[in-house]
C-alpha atoms as a PDB file:
ATOM      1  CA  MET A   1      15.329   7.094  -7.713  1.00  0.00           C
ATOM      2  CA  ASP A   2      11.987   7.000  -5.510  1.00  0.00           C
ATOM      3  CA  CYS A   3      10.055  10.250  -6.049  1.00  0.00           C
ATOM      4  CA  GLY A   4       9.963  11.543  -2.229  1.00  0.00           C
ATOM      5  CA  PHE A   5      12.173  13.553  -0.001  1.00  0.00           C
ATOM      6  CA  LYS A   6      13.134  14.083   3.584  1.00  0.00           C
ATOM      7  CA  SER A   7      13.578  17.666   5.040  1.00  0.00           C
ATOM      8  CA  GLY A   8      14.357  16.818   8.854  1.00  0.00           C
ATOM      9  CA  LYS A   9      11.520  14.668  10.255  1.00  0.00           C
ATOM     10  CA  ASN A  10       9.285  15.301   7.381  1.00  0.00           C
ATOM     11  CA  VAL A  11       8.882  12.678   4.685  1.00  0.00           C
ATOM     12  CA  PHE A  12       6.728  13.227   1.187  1.00  0.00           C
ATOM     13  CA  ARG A  13       6.374  10.191  -0.863  1.00  0.00           C
ATOM     14  CA  TYR A  14       4.781   9.597  -4.193  1.00  0.00           C
ATOM     15  CA  ARG A  15       3.321   5.922  -4.153  1.00  0.00           C
ATOM     16  CA  VAL A  16       1.097   3.539  -6.471  1.00  0.00           C
ATOM     17  CA  ALA A  17      -0.879   0.499  -3.802  1.00  0.00           C
ATOM     18  CA  GLY A  18      -2.450  -2.399  -5.650  1.00  0.00           C
ATOM     19  CA  ILE A  19      -5.640  -3.962  -4.853  1.00  0.00           C
ATOM     20  CA  ILE A  20      -5.533  -7.704  -5.065  1.00  0.00           C
ATOM     21  CA  LEU A  21      -8.123 -10.089  -4.907  1.00  0.00           C
ATOM     22  CA  ASP A  22      -9.477 -13.199  -5.416  1.00  0.00           C
ATOM     23  CA  ASP A  23     -11.963 -15.900  -4.350  1.00  0.00           C
ATOM     24  CA  GLY A  24     -13.126 -13.663  -1.796  1.00  0.00           C
ATOM     25  CA  LYS A  25      -9.895 -12.766  -0.836  1.00  0.00           C
ATOM     26  CA  ALA A  26      -7.219 -10.065  -0.854  1.00  0.00           C
ATOM     27  CA  LEU A  27      -3.637  -9.979  -0.765  1.00  0.00           C
ATOM     28  CA  LEU A  28      -1.892  -7.897   1.992  1.00  0.00           C
ATOM     29  CA  ALA A  29       1.393  -7.608   3.878  1.00  0.00           C
ATOM     30  CA  THR A  30       2.885  -7.508   7.391  1.00  0.00           C
ATOM     31  CA  ASN A  31       6.295  -6.340   8.613  1.00  0.00           C
ATOM     32  CA  THR A  32       8.595  -7.599  11.118  1.00  0.00           C
ATOM     33  CA  MET A  33       8.557  -3.677  12.835  1.00  0.00           C
ATOM     34  CA  THR A  34       4.620  -3.474  12.429  1.00  0.00           C
ATOM     35  CA  GLY A  35       1.703  -5.089  14.541  1.00  0.00           C
ATOM     36  CA  TYR A  36      -0.940  -4.263  11.207  1.00  0.00           C
ATOM     37  CA  PHE A  37      -1.803  -5.319   8.013  1.00  0.00           C
ATOM     38  CA  TYR A  38      -1.231  -3.228   5.007  1.00  0.00           C
ATOM     39  CA  ILE A  39      -2.421  -2.726   1.040  1.00  0.00           C
ATOM     40  CA  LEU A  40       1.197  -3.699  -1.236  1.00  0.00           C
ATOM     41  CA  SER A  41       2.160  -0.667  -2.479  1.00  0.00           C
ATOM     42  CA  GLY A  42       5.369   1.107  -3.571  1.00  0.00           C
ATOM     43  CA  ALA A  43       7.248   3.785  -4.377  1.00  0.00           C
ATOM     44  CA  VAL A  44       6.908   5.766  -7.787  1.00  0.00           C
ATOM     45  CA  ASN A  45      11.057   6.106  -9.540  1.00  0.00           C
ATOM     46  CA  LEU A  46      11.332   9.921 -11.421  1.00  0.00           C
ATOM     47  CA  GLY A  47      10.413   9.590 -14.915  1.00  0.00           C
ATOM     48  CA  GLU A  48       8.047   6.707 -14.379  1.00  0.00           C
ATOM     49  CA  ALA A  49       4.347   6.824 -14.165  1.00  0.00           C
ATOM     50  CA  SER A  50       2.056   5.438 -12.112  1.00  0.00           C
ATOM     51  CA  GLU A  51       0.430   2.940 -13.663  1.00  0.00           C
ATOM     52  CA  GLU A  52       4.396   0.974 -14.998  1.00  0.00           C
ATOM     53  CA  ALA A  53       4.864   1.538 -11.307  1.00  0.00           C
ATOM     54  CA  ALA A  54       2.007  -0.238  -9.743  1.00  0.00           C
ATOM     55  CA  VAL A  55       2.991  -3.196 -12.271  1.00  0.00           C
ATOM     56  CA  ARG A  56       6.231  -3.211 -11.801  1.00  0.00           C
ATOM     57  CA  VAL A  57       5.844  -2.818  -7.990  1.00  0.00           C
ATOM     58  CA  MET A  58       2.608  -5.512  -7.503  1.00  0.00           C
ATOM     59  CA  ASN A  59       5.077  -7.980  -9.984  1.00  0.00           C
ATOM     60  CA  GLU A  60       7.934  -7.410  -8.119  1.00  0.00           C
ATOM     61  CA  LYS A  61       6.492  -7.802  -4.351  1.00  0.00           C
ATOM     62  CA  THR A  62       4.077 -10.954  -5.765  1.00  0.00           C
ATOM     63  CA  GLY A  63       6.745 -12.652  -8.563  1.00  0.00           C
ATOM     64  CA  GLY A  64       3.663 -12.614  -9.817  1.00  0.00           C
ATOM     65  CA  ASP A  65       2.209 -11.357 -13.226  1.00  0.00           C
ATOM     66  CA  TYR A  66      -0.262  -8.845 -12.870  1.00  0.00           C
ATOM     67  CA  ASN A  67      -1.280  -5.815 -14.677  1.00  0.00           C
ATOM     68  CA  VAL A  68      -3.851  -2.635 -13.876  1.00  0.00           C
ATOM     69  CA  SER A  69      -7.321  -3.199 -14.624  1.00  0.00           C
ATOM     70  CA  ARG A  70      -8.004   0.239 -13.589  1.00  0.00           C
ATOM     71  CA  LEU A  71      -7.240   3.625 -10.915  1.00  0.00           C
ATOM     72  CA  LEU A  72      -9.691   3.346  -8.371  1.00  0.00           C
ATOM     73  CA  THR A  73      -8.826   6.835  -5.931  1.00  0.00           C
ATOM     74  CA  ILE A  74      -5.756   8.700  -5.400  1.00  0.00           C
ATOM     75  CA  VAL A  75      -5.331   8.782  -1.377  1.00  0.00           C
ATOM     76  CA  GLU A  76      -3.398  11.555   0.586  1.00  0.00           C
ATOM     77  CA  THR A  77      -2.333  10.455   3.658  1.00  0.00           C
ATOM     78  CA  PHE A  78      -0.987  12.171   6.638  1.00  0.00           C
ATOM     79  CA  PHE A  79       0.417   9.671   9.530  1.00  0.00           C
ATOM     80  CA  ASP A  80       3.005   9.370  12.099  1.00  0.00           C
ATOM     81  CA  TYR A  81       5.699   6.695  11.956  1.00  0.00           C
ATOM     82  CA  GLU A  82       8.429   5.900  14.395  1.00  0.00           C
ATOM     83  CA  PHE A  83      11.021   3.999  13.321  1.00  0.00           C
ATOM     84  CA  ASN A  84      14.947   3.671  15.266  1.00  0.00           C
ATOM     85  CA  ASP A  85      13.267   5.589  17.907  1.00  0.00           C
ATOM     86  CA  THR A  86      12.391   8.418  15.784  1.00  0.00           C
ATOM     87  CA  LYS A  87       9.135   9.690  15.041  1.00  0.00           C
ATOM     88  CA  TYR A  88       8.417  10.920  11.463  1.00  0.00           C
ATOM     89  CA  ASP A  89       5.420  12.858  10.069  1.00  0.00           C
ATOM     90  CA  PHE A  90       4.535  11.248   6.476  1.00  0.00           C
ATOM     91  CA  GLN A  91       2.477  13.085   3.879  1.00  0.00           C
ATOM     92  CA  GLU A  92       1.664  10.261   0.960  1.00  0.00           C
ATOM     93  CA  VAL A  93      -0.008  10.435  -2.616  1.00  0.00           C
ATOM     94  CA  THR A  94      -1.053   7.222  -3.529  1.00  0.00           C
ATOM     95  CA  PHE A  95      -2.404   6.092  -6.467  1.00  0.00           C
ATOM     96  CA  TYR A  96      -4.784   3.000  -5.503  1.00  0.00           C
ATOM     97  CA  TYR A  97      -4.818   0.877  -8.869  1.00  0.00           C
ATOM     98  CA  LEU A  98      -6.847  -2.545  -8.897  1.00  0.00           C
ATOM     99  CA  MET A  99      -4.385  -5.684 -10.202  1.00  0.00           C
ATOM    100  CA  GLU A 100      -5.380  -8.076 -12.523  1.00  0.00           C
ATOM    101  CA  PRO A 101      -3.320 -11.227 -12.343  1.00  0.00           C
ATOM    102  CA  GLY A 102      -2.194 -12.859 -16.233  1.00  0.00           C
ATOM    103  CA  ASP A 103      -0.946 -15.431 -13.676  1.00  0.00           C
ATOM    104  CA  ILE A 104      -2.259 -15.166 -10.283  1.00  0.00           C
ATOM    105  CA  LYS A 105       0.560 -16.614  -7.518  1.00  0.00           C
ATOM    106  CA  TYR A 106      -0.385 -17.031  -4.114  1.00  0.00           C
ATOM    107  CA  PRO A 107       3.272 -16.348  -3.268  1.00  0.00           C
ATOM    108  CA  GLU A 108       4.982 -17.490  -0.381  1.00  0.00           C
ATOM    109  CA  GLN A 109       7.804 -15.193  -0.572  1.00  0.00           C
ATOM    110  CA  LYS A 110       9.401 -12.827   2.289  1.00  0.00           C
ATOM    111  CA  ASN A 111      10.699  -9.434   0.983  1.00  0.00           C
ATOM    112  CA  ARG A 112      13.265  -7.622   2.427  1.00  0.00           C
ATOM    113  CA  LEU A 113      12.536  -4.131   2.903  1.00  0.00           C
ATOM    114  CA  GLY A 114      15.311  -1.042   4.302  1.00  0.00           C
ATOM    115  CA  GLY A 115      15.983  -0.876   8.132  1.00  0.00           C
ATOM    116  CA  GLY A 116      16.257  -4.425   8.764  1.00  0.00           C
ATOM    117  CA  ARG A 117      12.731  -5.398   8.084  1.00  0.00           C
ATOM    118  CA  THR A 118      11.501  -8.313   6.404  1.00  0.00           C
ATOM    119  CA  GLU A 119       7.565  -8.490   4.695  1.00  0.00           C
ATOM    120  CA  THR A 120       5.466 -10.979   4.780  1.00  0.00           C
ATOM    121  CA  LEU A 121       2.727 -11.446   2.116  1.00  0.00           C
ATOM    122  CA  HIS A 122      -0.588 -13.078   3.455  1.00  0.00           C
ATOM    123  CA  TRP A 123      -4.217 -13.829   1.851  1.00  0.00           C
ATOM    124  CA  ILE A 124      -6.738 -12.554   4.094  1.00  0.00           C
ATOM    125  CA  PRO A 125     -10.953 -13.945   3.523  1.00  0.00           C
ATOM    126  CA  LEU A 126     -12.825 -10.506   2.617  1.00  0.00           C
ATOM    127  CA  SER A 127     -14.780 -11.635   5.635  1.00  0.00           C
ATOM    128  CA  GLU A 128     -12.382 -11.652   8.677  1.00  0.00           C
ATOM    129  CA  THR A 129     -10.872  -7.805   7.759  1.00  0.00           C
ATOM    130  CA  ALA A 130     -13.721  -6.186   9.602  1.00  0.00           C
ATOM    131  CA  GLY A 131     -11.364  -7.132  12.979  1.00  0.00           C
ATOM    132  CA  LYS A 132      -7.987  -6.461  11.731  1.00  0.00           C
ATOM    133  CA  ASP A 133      -6.215  -3.238  11.774  1.00  0.00           C
ATOM    134  CA  ILE A 134      -5.397  -2.729   7.942  1.00  0.00           C
ATOM    135  CA  ARG A 135      -3.738   0.450   6.844  1.00  0.00           C
ATOM    136  CA  PRO A 136      -4.707   3.044   5.841  1.00  0.00           C
ATOM    137  CA  LYS A 137      -7.703   3.194   7.003  1.00  0.00           C
ATOM    138  CA  ALA A 138      -9.039   4.391   3.532  1.00  0.00           C
ATOM    139  CA  GLY A 139      -7.343   1.566   1.746  1.00  0.00           C
ATOM    140  CA  LYS A 140      -8.924  -1.164   3.976  1.00  0.00           C
ATOM    141  CA  GLU A 141     -12.478   0.599   2.974  1.00  0.00           C
ATOM    142  CA  MET A 142     -12.176   0.525  -0.383  1.00  0.00           C
ATOM    143  CA  MET A 143     -11.056  -2.669  -0.767  1.00  0.00           C
ATOM    144  CA  LEU A 144     -13.586  -3.967   1.010  1.00  0.00           C
ATOM    145  CA  ASP A 145     -16.476  -1.622  -1.447  1.00  0.00           C
ATOM    146  CA  LEU A 146     -14.293  -0.756  -4.930  1.00  0.00           C
ATOM    147  CA  PRO A 147     -15.293   2.209  -6.091  1.00  0.00           C
ATOM    148  CA  LEU A 148     -16.948   2.686  -9.234  1.00  0.00           C
ATOM    149  CA  GLN A 149     -14.899   5.365 -10.245  1.00  0.00           C
ATOM    150  CA  VAL A 150     -12.032   7.377  -9.191  1.00  0.00           C
ATOM    151  CA  GLU A 151     -12.208   9.367  -5.958  1.00  0.00           C
ATOM    152  CA  THR A 152     -10.043  11.556  -4.367  1.00  0.00           C
ATOM    153  CA  ILE A 153      -9.624  11.290  -0.267  1.00  0.00           C
ATOM    154  CA  ILE A 154      -7.660  13.029   2.755  1.00  0.00           C
ATOM    155  CA  SER A 155      -6.736  11.074   5.090  1.00  0.00           C
ATOM    156  CA  ASP A 156      -5.273  12.434   8.596  1.00  0.00           C
ATOM    157  CA  GLU A 157      -4.072   9.496  10.484  1.00  0.00           C
ATOM    158  CA  ARG A 158      -1.433  11.232  13.328  1.00  0.00           C
ATOM    159  CA  SER A 159      -2.043  10.460  16.422  1.00  0.00           C
ATOM    160  CA  ASP A 160      -2.539  14.153  16.951  1.00  0.00           C
ATOM    161  CA  HIS A 161      -5.171  15.079  14.809  1.00  0.00           C
ATOM    162  CA  SER A 162      -8.638  13.373  14.181  1.00  0.00           C
ATOM    163  CA  SER A 163      -9.735  11.645  10.920  1.00  0.00           C
END
């Protein structure tokens, strides 16, 4: 069971994300309902430690063998998301981990997401990320300049709020 809940159009989620870098490239994803790239992430299950969740999620999504190198940042993000013509207000707390390959793979797999969406993985050169819409914004910045110590960030990306 995912750690999160929904109340009307308000959604709270506890998640993990993995920054995966190799040879000047970052592993990012898109899906059939978004026009932007995002860092691979997934839900923490009830009773599961965030570090264990990060390993599970990254390995499920990539088919690879990744381990946690270190915790980078904890980000609390507020954002809008429209799904099936309904606008939801999200609050997510995400633990971002730098992932280390046991056996790096260049996945070409597609993952099925809920709601009929399909997720596709892409290796994007870091030098090309400036011109790309990568979300959340805090994750994009972190990917380009890995923090040396754990930080906490609050990011408000709702359309009716300024960051």
